[in-house]
Amino acid sequence: MLTTLIALSALAQDPAAESGDASSAAPPEEAPASDEPWNRKGWGWGGLPALNYNSDEGFGFGVVASLYRYDGEHQPYKTSWDLILFATTLGGHAHSLNIDWLEVGDEPVRITTRIGLAATQAQPYCGQGSAVTCDTADAVAALGLDSVEDDPDAVRRFHQLRYVNPNARVDVRWAFDPMPHRIELLGGYRFNYLIPGTFAEKGPWADSLWAADTGGRGDEGLVSVLQTGVMIDNRDNEPSPTKGYWHEATVRGAHKFWASDYDYFGYNLTARTYLSLAPGLVWANRVVADGMVGDAHIEELGRAGGTVRYYMYGEQRAGRGIRLTRFVGRVKNMEQSELRWTALSAPVFNVPVDLTLVGFLDVGFVAEDWQSLDQLSRPLPGTGGGFRVAIDKNFIVRTDVGVSAFEDWSPSIYIDLKNTF
């Protein structure tokens, strides 16, 4: 896949606009000096036009944009808006709007909302558990062919999903103990509706592994989830921590009582630590334990729970170097380590820009279900490196290159916003 991204960012400061009276604004020389955007009043923004191509989804085009409102008091902003609009010529879609609002009503309450629409015709599906192979020879045999050349499209699609997925969530965090060791209670709701097929045609790819595993139907229906838990946090810098920790423990459940087509119970334990080893050099570490009992569709099985949702295991946030959702199961554990070295910090057109080099190691452990925990004995490592550009501190663009023995050391390139953790 070829991807081209161009980053743009600006910071607008208008103290007069905060008070509504130009005469009440402090002269510029009286403003406190700071290189942190959240110590100012005004607006910040960043944007990325994006282009990509692959044979299954076609040409892709879109935009990623972030807008930040600073009030001079709250870190890393008072409010943020993140918009993603992306579509491909063969029916792929990835659209979302995220709003993050701190100190709602001047109370220690943070509300985060997200609404999204996704559609794909080419997400990998290799089966469940850590023993899956995604081998082309398996597809050829299952389809009753003599070779790939007999029907290359069918062979490729044998290990692929196609679906449409509208989704939304709202999370509320209430801090009852402030920094330096902030404790927050968490509560939230989300829904995730999976429709096998495309906008024009319903159902999974014919003769695909997903169709075979689900009786030809694919997984369909609504997962309606309530979640609660607790978070403790003393990071020195939320967008890019250099020291401290960020831990959370959550439980989640889907049930017909709140309109879910699936019933399940799950948990997530995540511990993140940040240690400054030398000026500009940080060791970041994340340990995740995630599990569930009950039934859910494949989109839910392939993601970690908690306040940060991502595919697991195999993708740009969990299992770099391994194809997307190659390893899926009800029990998922992971250890991630990153060395982050900020090699350059300099203002560009009066906007602070930081360049950071990154090396990483991801190791996952996945079991299909609680009856096959022996699969957790098989480590699933991926490793690599990359760089990160932070514009105005908050708008962070990462480019990582990951490799894994499970993909014959073929490099995967990831371009993402924000730090992985």
Protein backbone atom coordinates (compact mmCIF):
# COMPACT_ATOMS: atom_id res chain seq x y z
CA MET A 1 0.00 0.00 0.00
CA LEU A 2 1.29 3.43 -0.93
CA THR A 3 0.35 6.23 1.43
CA THR A 4 1.05 9.96 1.14
CA LEU A 5 0.38 12.32 4.03
CA ILE A 6 1.05 16.06 4.37
CA ALA A 7 0.92 17.66 7.83
CA LEU A 8 -0.28 21.19 8.45
CA SER A 9 -0.72 22.95 11.76
CA ALA A 10 -1.31 26.41 13.20
CA LEU A 11 -1.84 28.07 16.56
CA ALA A 12 -4.11 31.07 16.92
CA GLN A 13 -3.86 33.18 20.06
CA ASP A 14 -6.45 35.83 20.72
CA PRO A 15 -6.69 36.81 24.40
CA ALA A 16 -9.24 39.49 23.55
CA ALA A 17 -11.58 36.89 22.13
CA GLU A 18 -11.57 35.11 25.49
CA SER A 19 -12.98 38.11 27.34
CA GLY A 20 -14.99 39.57 24.51
CA ASP A 21 -13.33 42.95 25.13
CA ALA A 22 -10.22 43.95 23.21
CA SER A 23 -9.36 46.61 25.75
CA SER A 24 -9.05 44.01 28.53
CA ALA A 25 -6.40 41.93 26.76
CA ALA A 26 -2.95 41.95 28.35
CA PRO A 27 -0.14 43.36 26.19
CA PRO A 28 1.88 40.65 24.49
CA GLU A 29 4.97 41.35 26.61
CA GLU A 30 2.95 40.64 29.77
CA ALA A 31 1.83 37.18 28.66
CA PRO A 32 3.57 34.32 30.47
CA ALA A 33 6.31 32.72 28.42
CA SER A 34 5.70 29.04 27.71
CA ASP A 35 6.27 26.53 24.93
CA GLU A 36 3.22 24.50 25.98
CA PRO A 37 0.09 25.34 23.94
CA TRP A 38 -2.26 24.63 26.86
CA ASN A 39 -0.76 27.53 28.83
CA ARG A 40 -2.12 29.92 26.22
CA LYS A 41 -5.60 31.05 25.27
CA GLY A 42 -6.84 30.51 21.77
CA TRP A 43 -7.03 27.79 19.14
CA GLY A 44 -4.71 25.17 17.70
CA TRP A 45 -5.24 22.87 14.79
CA GLY A 46 -3.61 20.25 12.59
CA GLY A 47 -4.53 18.51 9.37
CA LEU A 48 -3.49 15.66 7.06
CA PRO A 49 -4.69 15.09 3.52
CA ALA A 50 -4.24 11.38 2.79
CA LEU A 51 -3.97 9.20 -0.31
CA ASN A 52 -3.47 5.46 -0.55
CA TYR A 53 -3.92 2.49 -2.86
CA ASN A 54 -4.26 -1.27 -2.59
CA SER A 55 -5.70 -3.77 -5.03
CA ASP A 56 -8.59 -4.83 -2.79
CA GLU A 57 -9.88 -1.42 -1.72
CA GLY A 58 -8.75 0.69 -4.69
CA PHE A 59 -7.61 4.31 -4.45
CA GLY A 60 -8.27 5.96 -1.11
CA PHE A 61 -8.53 9.65 -0.35
CA GLY A 62 -9.55 11.74 2.61
CA VAL A 63 -8.57 14.13 5.34
CA VAL A 64 -7.71 13.98 9.03
CA ALA A 65 -8.13 17.19 11.02
CA SER A 66 -7.90 18.21 14.68
CA LEU A 67 -9.04 21.39 16.37
CA TYR A 68 -8.05 22.37 19.92
CA ARG A 69 -9.43 25.03 22.24
CA TYR A 70 -7.01 26.29 24.91
CA ASP A 71 -8.15 28.26 27.95
CA GLY A 72 -4.77 28.73 29.68
CA GLU A 73 -5.77 26.43 32.53
CA HIS A 74 -6.42 22.85 31.40
CA GLN A 75 -3.85 20.40 30.07
CA PRO A 76 -3.57 19.34 27.28
CA TYR A 77 -6.56 21.45 26.09
CA LYS A 78 -10.02 22.47 27.17
CA THR A 79 -11.76 20.82 24.22
CA SER A 80 -10.64 18.91 21.14
CA TRP A 81 -12.41 17.87 17.96
CA ASP A 82 -10.90 15.11 15.75
CA LEU A 83 -12.41 14.46 12.34
CA ILE A 84 -11.54 11.64 9.93
CA LEU A 85 -13.13 11.40 6.48
CA PHE A 86 -11.74 8.64 4.28
CA ALA A 87 -13.14 6.57 1.41
CA THR A 88 -11.83 4.33 -1.35
CA THR A 89 -12.97 3.79 -4.91
CA LEU A 90 -14.02 0.17 -4.19
CA GLY A 91 -16.27 0.87 -1.23
CA GLY A 92 -13.97 1.20 1.75
CA HIS A 93 -14.92 3.81 4.37
CA ALA A 94 -13.42 5.10 7.63
CA HIS A 95 -15.25 8.15 8.97
CA SER A 96 -15.35 9.35 12.55
CA LEU A 97 -15.82 12.41 14.74
CA ASN A 98 -14.33 12.51 18.26
CA ILE A 99 -15.01 15.24 20.81
CA ASP A 100 -13.10 15.42 24.10
CA TRP A 101 -14.32 17.95 26.69
CA LEU A 102 -12.52 18.57 30.00
CA GLU A 103 -13.95 20.04 33.21
CA VAL A 104 -17.51 20.02 31.94
CA GLY A 105 -19.56 22.63 33.81
CA ASP A 106 -16.47 23.52 35.85
CA GLU A 107 -16.73 20.12 37.53
CA PRO A 108 -13.99 17.44 37.54
CA VAL A 109 -15.81 15.61 34.74
CA ARG A 110 -14.41 14.67 31.32
CA ILE A 111 -16.72 13.55 28.53
CA THR A 112 -15.48 11.90 25.36
CA THR A 113 -17.83 11.05 22.49
CA ARG A 114 -17.27 9.31 19.18
CA ILE A 115 -19.46 8.50 16.20
CA GLY A 116 -18.13 6.53 13.27
CA LEU A 117 -18.84 4.55 10.13
CA ALA A 118 -16.48 1.90 8.78
CA ALA A 119 -16.71 -0.37 5.77
CA THR A 120 -14.18 -2.80 4.35
CA GLN A 121 -13.92 -5.47 1.70
CA ALA A 122 -10.44 -6.66 2.60
CA GLN A 123 -9.90 -6.96 6.36
CA PRO A 124 -7.90 -10.12 7.07
CA TYR A 125 -9.59 -13.06 8.77
CA CYS A 126 -7.40 -16.08 9.48
CA GLY A 127 -9.63 -17.82 12.02
CA GLN A 128 -9.32 -17.64 15.81
CA GLY A 129 -6.54 -18.41 18.27
CA SER A 130 -2.76 -18.24 18.01
CA ALA A 131 -2.30 -21.33 15.80
CA VAL A 132 -3.80 -19.82 12.62
CA THR A 133 -1.59 -19.58 9.54
CA CYS A 134 -3.40 -17.56 6.83
CA ASP A 135 -1.54 -19.75 4.37
CA THR A 136 -2.41 -19.40 0.67
CA ALA A 137 -2.07 -23.17 0.31
CA ASP A 138 -4.89 -23.62 2.84
CA ALA A 139 -7.14 -21.38 0.75
CA VAL A 140 -6.31 -23.29 -2.45
CA ALA A 141 -7.12 -26.62 -0.79
CA ALA A 142 -10.33 -25.38 0.86
CA LEU A 143 -11.58 -24.01 -2.47
CA GLY A 144 -10.80 -27.27 -4.28
CA LEU A 145 -8.39 -25.61 -6.71
CA ASP A 146 -5.16 -26.94 -8.16
CA SER A 147 -3.29 -23.64 -7.88
CA VAL A 148 -3.67 -19.95 -7.10
CA GLU A 149 -3.82 -19.19 -10.82
CA ASP A 150 -7.08 -21.11 -11.15
CA ASP A 151 -8.97 -18.33 -9.31
CA PRO A 152 -6.65 -15.73 -7.74
CA ASP A 153 -9.53 -13.49 -6.58
CA ALA A 154 -11.23 -16.31 -4.69
CA VAL A 155 -7.94 -17.35 -3.10
CA ARG A 156 -7.24 -13.81 -1.93
CA ARG A 157 -10.76 -13.32 -0.56
CA PHE A 158 -10.77 -16.63 1.29
CA HIS A 159 -8.97 -14.93 4.20
CA GLN A 160 -10.87 -11.61 4.03
CA LEU A 161 -13.89 -9.99 5.66
CA ARG A 162 -16.32 -7.57 4.11
CA TYR A 163 -18.74 -5.62 6.28
CA VAL A 164 -20.33 -2.26 7.09
CA ASN A 165 -20.00 -1.09 10.70
CA PRO A 166 -21.78 1.99 12.12
CA ASN A 167 -20.66 2.63 15.70
CA ALA A 168 -20.72 5.21 18.48
CA ARG A 169 -19.63 5.61 22.10
CA VAL A 170 -19.68 8.03 25.01
CA ASP A 171 -17.33 7.86 28.02
CA VAL A 172 -17.53 9.87 31.24
CA ARG A 173 -14.60 10.21 33.67
CA TRP A 174 -15.05 11.76 37.11
CA ALA A 175 -11.88 12.72 38.98
CA PHE A 176 -12.34 12.57 42.74
CA ASP A 177 -8.64 12.88 43.61
CA PRO A 178 -6.57 15.47 41.69
CA MET A 179 -2.99 15.27 40.45
CA PRO A 180 -0.23 14.33 41.06
CA HIS A 181 -1.94 10.94 41.50
CA ARG A 182 -5.32 11.54 39.90
CA ILE A 183 -7.97 8.87 40.46
CA GLU A 184 -10.96 8.77 38.11
CA LEU A 185 -14.10 6.69 38.03
CA LEU A 186 -15.14 5.61 34.54
CA GLY A 187 -18.48 4.92 32.94
CA GLY A 188 -19.52 4.57 29.34
CA TYR A 189 -21.74 3.11 26.67
CA ARG A 190 -21.07 2.11 23.08
CA PHE A 191 -22.78 0.31 20.27
CA ASN A 192 -21.21 -1.54 17.38
CA TYR A 193 -23.49 -2.81 14.60
CA LEU A 194 -22.00 -5.27 12.12
CA ILE A 195 -23.58 -5.83 8.70
CA PRO A 196 -21.79 -8.49 6.61
CA GLY A 197 -21.34 -7.41 3.01
CA THR A 198 -21.18 -4.03 1.31
CA PHE A 199 -23.61 -1.15 0.85
CA ALA A 200 -24.79 -2.82 -2.36
CA GLU A 201 -24.63 -6.55 -1.53
CA LYS A 202 -25.30 -8.35 1.74
CA GLY A 203 -23.31 -11.27 3.11
CA PRO A 204 -19.65 -12.30 3.49
CA TRP A 205 -17.47 -13.20 0.55
CA ALA A 206 -18.79 -16.47 -0.87
CA ASP A 207 -16.55 -19.46 -0.04
CA SER A 208 -14.53 -17.37 2.44
CA LEU A 209 -13.28 -18.76 5.74
CA TRP A 210 -15.53 -16.31 7.61
CA ALA A 211 -18.56 -17.63 5.73
CA ALA A 212 -17.55 -21.21 6.53
CA ASP A 213 -17.05 -20.44 10.23
CA THR A 214 -20.47 -18.76 10.53
CA GLY A 215 -22.66 -21.06 8.48
CA GLY A 216 -22.51 -18.79 5.43
CA ARG A 217 -24.07 -15.81 7.19
CA GLY A 218 -21.12 -13.91 8.61
CA ASP A 219 -21.55 -12.30 12.01
CA GLU A 220 -24.43 -9.83 12.06
CA GLY A 221 -26.09 -7.75 14.72
CA LEU A 222 -25.72 -5.15 17.44
CA VAL A 223 -23.27 -5.31 20.31
CA SER A 224 -24.57 -2.87 22.94
CA VAL A 225 -22.00 -2.46 25.72
CA LEU A 226 -21.94 -0.83 29.14
CA GLN A 227 -18.54 -0.30 30.73
CA THR A 228 -17.25 0.91 34.11
CA GLY A 229 -13.96 1.00 35.97
CA VAL A 230 -11.26 3.10 37.56
CA MET A 231 -8.20 4.94 36.25
CA ILE A 232 -5.11 6.30 38.02
CA ASP A 233 -2.87 8.75 36.23
CA ASN A 234 0.14 10.92 37.01
CA ARG A 235 1.63 11.51 33.54
CA ASP A 236 3.57 14.75 33.30
CA ASN A 237 2.37 15.38 29.73
CA GLU A 238 -0.72 13.61 28.39
CA PRO A 239 0.08 13.77 24.64
CA SER A 240 3.70 12.64 25.07
CA PRO A 241 4.62 11.55 28.61
CA THR A 242 8.22 11.54 29.79
CA LYS A 243 7.58 10.17 33.28
CA GLY A 244 4.79 8.79 35.43
CA TYR A 245 2.17 6.13 34.93
CA TRP A 246 -1.32 5.65 33.51
CA HIS A 247 -3.26 2.56 34.65
CA GLU A 248 -6.85 1.44 34.29
CA ALA A 249 -9.09 -1.48 35.20
CA THR A 250 -12.48 -1.86 33.51
CA VAL A 251 -15.28 -4.38 33.14
CA ARG A 252 -17.77 -4.39 30.28
CA GLY A 253 -20.88 -6.26 29.35
CA ALA A 254 -23.36 -6.69 26.51
CA HIS A 255 -26.89 -7.96 27.21
CA LYS A 256 -30.34 -8.08 25.66
CA PHE A 257 -31.58 -5.91 28.55
CA TRP A 258 -29.86 -2.93 26.89
CA ALA A 259 -30.74 -3.95 23.34
CA SER A 260 -27.73 -6.12 22.48
CA ASP A 261 -28.03 -9.04 20.06
CA TYR A 262 -25.09 -10.66 21.84
CA ASP A 263 -24.46 -11.42 25.52
CA TYR A 264 -20.98 -11.34 26.98
CA PHE A 265 -18.89 -10.15 29.92
CA GLY A 266 -15.35 -8.82 29.56
CA TYR A 267 -12.53 -7.18 31.44
CA ASN A 268 -9.47 -5.10 30.64
CA LEU A 269 -6.40 -4.38 32.77
CA THR A 270 -3.88 -1.96 31.29
CA ALA A 271 -0.72 -0.63 32.94
CA ARG A 272 1.38 2.04 31.23
CA THR A 273 4.62 3.41 32.65
CA TYR A 274 6.99 6.13 31.43
CA LEU A 275 10.59 6.46 32.61
CA SER A 276 13.04 9.23 31.67
CA LEU A 277 16.43 7.57 31.08
CA ALA A 278 18.32 10.67 29.95
CA PRO A 279 17.47 14.11 28.56
CA GLY A 280 15.13 13.49 25.64
CA LEU A 281 15.20 9.68 26.07
CA VAL A 282 12.09 7.91 27.42
CA TRP A 283 11.27 4.25 27.95
CA ALA A 284 7.52 3.68 27.58
CA ASN A 285 5.92 0.35 28.48
CA ARG A 286 2.39 -1.03 28.22
CA VAL A 287 1.05 -4.33 29.62
CA VAL A 288 -2.49 -5.42 28.68
CA ALA A 289 -4.68 -8.29 29.87
CA ASP A 290 -8.04 -8.50 28.11
CA GLY A 291 -10.62 -11.27 28.18
CA MET A 292 -14.27 -12.08 27.70
CA VAL A 293 -16.81 -14.87 28.11
CA GLY A 294 -19.92 -15.22 26.02
CA ASP A 295 -20.75 -14.38 22.41
CA ALA A 296 -19.80 -11.42 20.22
CA HIS A 297 -19.32 -10.77 16.53
CA ILE A 298 -15.87 -10.75 14.97
CA GLU A 299 -15.43 -6.99 15.12
CA GLU A 300 -15.82 -7.13 18.91
CA LEU A 301 -13.65 -10.24 19.35
CA GLY A 302 -10.83 -8.56 17.48
CA ARG A 303 -10.56 -5.50 19.72
CA ALA A 304 -9.32 -4.76 23.21
CA GLY A 305 -11.72 -3.22 25.72
CA GLY A 306 -11.04 -0.32 28.07
CA THR A 307 -11.09 3.41 27.45
CA VAL A 308 -8.79 3.11 24.40
CA ARG A 309 -10.18 0.81 21.71
CA TYR A 310 -7.87 -0.77 19.14
CA TYR A 311 -7.55 -3.98 17.12
CA MET A 312 -5.76 -6.79 18.94
CA TYR A 313 -3.76 -8.65 17.95
CA GLY A 314 -1.98 -7.51 14.80
CA GLU A 315 -2.13 -3.86 13.66
CA GLN A 316 -0.53 -0.45 14.13
CA ARG A 317 -1.34 -0.18 17.86
CA ALA A 318 -0.98 -3.79 18.94
CA GLY A 319 1.22 -6.23 17.07
CA ARG A 320 3.11 -4.07 14.60
CA GLY A 321 4.63 -6.12 11.79
CA ILE A 322 1.71 -8.61 11.90
CA ARG A 323 -1.22 -8.23 9.54
CA LEU A 324 -4.42 -6.67 10.87
CA THR A 325 -6.39 -8.96 13.23
CA ARG A 326 -4.38 -12.04 12.26
CA PHE A 327 -4.72 -13.39 15.80
CA VAL A 328 -8.21 -13.11 17.30
CA GLY A 329 -9.62 -14.70 20.45
CA ARG A 330 -11.47 -14.25 23.71
CA VAL A 331 -8.24 -14.09 25.74
CA LYS A 332 -5.64 -11.53 24.70
CA ASN A 333 -2.51 -10.38 26.56
CA MET A 334 0.28 -8.11 25.39
CA GLU A 335 3.58 -6.53 26.41
CA GLN A 336 4.83 -3.46 24.50
CA SER A 337 8.00 -1.46 24.98
CA GLU A 338 9.18 1.67 23.19
CA LEU A 339 12.34 3.75 23.37
CA ARG A 340 11.54 7.34 22.37
CA TRP A 341 14.34 9.82 21.72
CA THR A 342 13.40 13.42 20.97
CA ALA A 343 16.18 14.33 18.58
CA LEU A 344 15.02 17.84 17.66
CA SER A 345 12.76 20.51 19.15
CA ALA A 346 12.41 23.79 17.30
CA PRO A 347 9.74 26.36 16.44
CA VAL A 348 8.50 26.46 12.86
CA PHE A 349 6.59 29.66 12.04
CA ASN A 350 6.26 30.16 15.81
CA VAL A 351 4.70 26.71 16.26
CA PRO A 352 6.68 24.20 18.40
CA VAL A 353 7.71 21.09 16.45
CA ASP A 354 9.36 18.01 17.97
CA LEU A 355 10.99 15.15 16.06
CA THR A 356 11.24 11.88 17.99
CA LEU A 357 12.85 8.60 16.91
CA VAL A 358 11.22 5.40 18.15
CA GLY A 359 12.22 1.75 18.50
CA PHE A 360 9.64 -0.81 19.65
CA LEU A 361 8.92 -4.43 20.53
CA ASP A 362 5.37 -5.86 20.70
CA VAL A 363 4.70 -9.36 22.07
CA GLY A 364 1.18 -10.74 22.13
CA PHE A 365 -0.42 -13.88 23.56
CA VAL A 366 -3.83 -14.98 22.22
CA ALA A 367 -6.13 -17.90 22.98
CA GLU A 368 -9.30 -18.70 21.06
CA ASP A 369 -11.28 -19.24 24.29
CA TRP A 370 -10.93 -20.27 27.92
CA GLN A 371 -10.79 -23.96 26.96
CA SER A 372 -7.63 -23.41 24.90
CA LEU A 373 -5.41 -21.40 27.25
CA ASP A 374 -2.45 -23.53 26.20
CA GLN A 375 -2.33 -21.28 23.10
CA LEU A 376 -1.07 -18.48 25.36
CA SER A 377 2.27 -20.27 25.53
CA ARG A 378 3.01 -19.18 21.96
CA PRO A 379 4.51 -15.64 21.90
CA LEU A 380 3.59 -13.46 18.90
CA PRO A 381 6.38 -10.86 18.53
CA GLY A 382 6.74 -7.94 16.16
CA THR A 383 9.45 -5.30 16.19
CA GLY A 384 10.64 -2.24 14.34
CA GLY A 385 11.12 1.49 14.56
CA GLY A 386 10.02 4.82 13.20
CA PHE A 387 9.69 8.48 13.93
CA ARG A 388 7.13 10.87 15.36
CA VAL A 389 6.47 14.52 14.55
CA ALA A 390 4.63 16.51 17.21
CA ILE A 391 3.20 19.79 15.95
CA ASP A 392 2.02 22.24 18.58
CA LYS A 393 2.58 19.41 21.12
CA ASN A 394 -0.92 17.95 20.65
CA PHE A 395 -1.05 17.04 16.94
CA ILE A 396 1.23 13.99 16.69
CA VAL A 397 1.90 12.04 13.49
CA ARG A 398 3.73 8.71 13.73
CA THR A 399 5.32 6.62 11.01
CA ASP A 400 6.37 3.11 12.09
CA VAL A 401 7.85 0.19 10.16
CA GLY A 402 7.26 -3.21 11.73
CA VAL A 403 8.42 -6.72 10.88
CA SER A 404 7.62 -10.18 12.24
CA ALA A 405 8.65 -13.75 11.57
CA PHE A 406 4.93 -14.56 11.24
CA GLU A 407 4.85 -12.42 8.08
CA ASP A 408 8.21 -13.70 6.75
CA TRP A 409 9.85 -10.42 7.85
CA SER A 410 7.95 -8.49 5.21
CA PRO A 411 7.84 -4.84 6.38
CA SER A 412 4.55 -3.17 7.25
CA ILE A 413 4.31 0.63 7.21
CA TYR A 414 1.95 2.40 9.61
CA ILE A 415 1.01 6.07 9.66
CA ASP A 416 -1.01 7.01 12.71
CA LEU A 417 -2.05 9.95 14.86
CA LYS A 418 -1.04 10.29 18.52
CA ASN A 419 1.30 8.01 20.40
CA THR A 420 0.57 4.30 20.40
CA PHE A 421 0.15 4.58 24.18
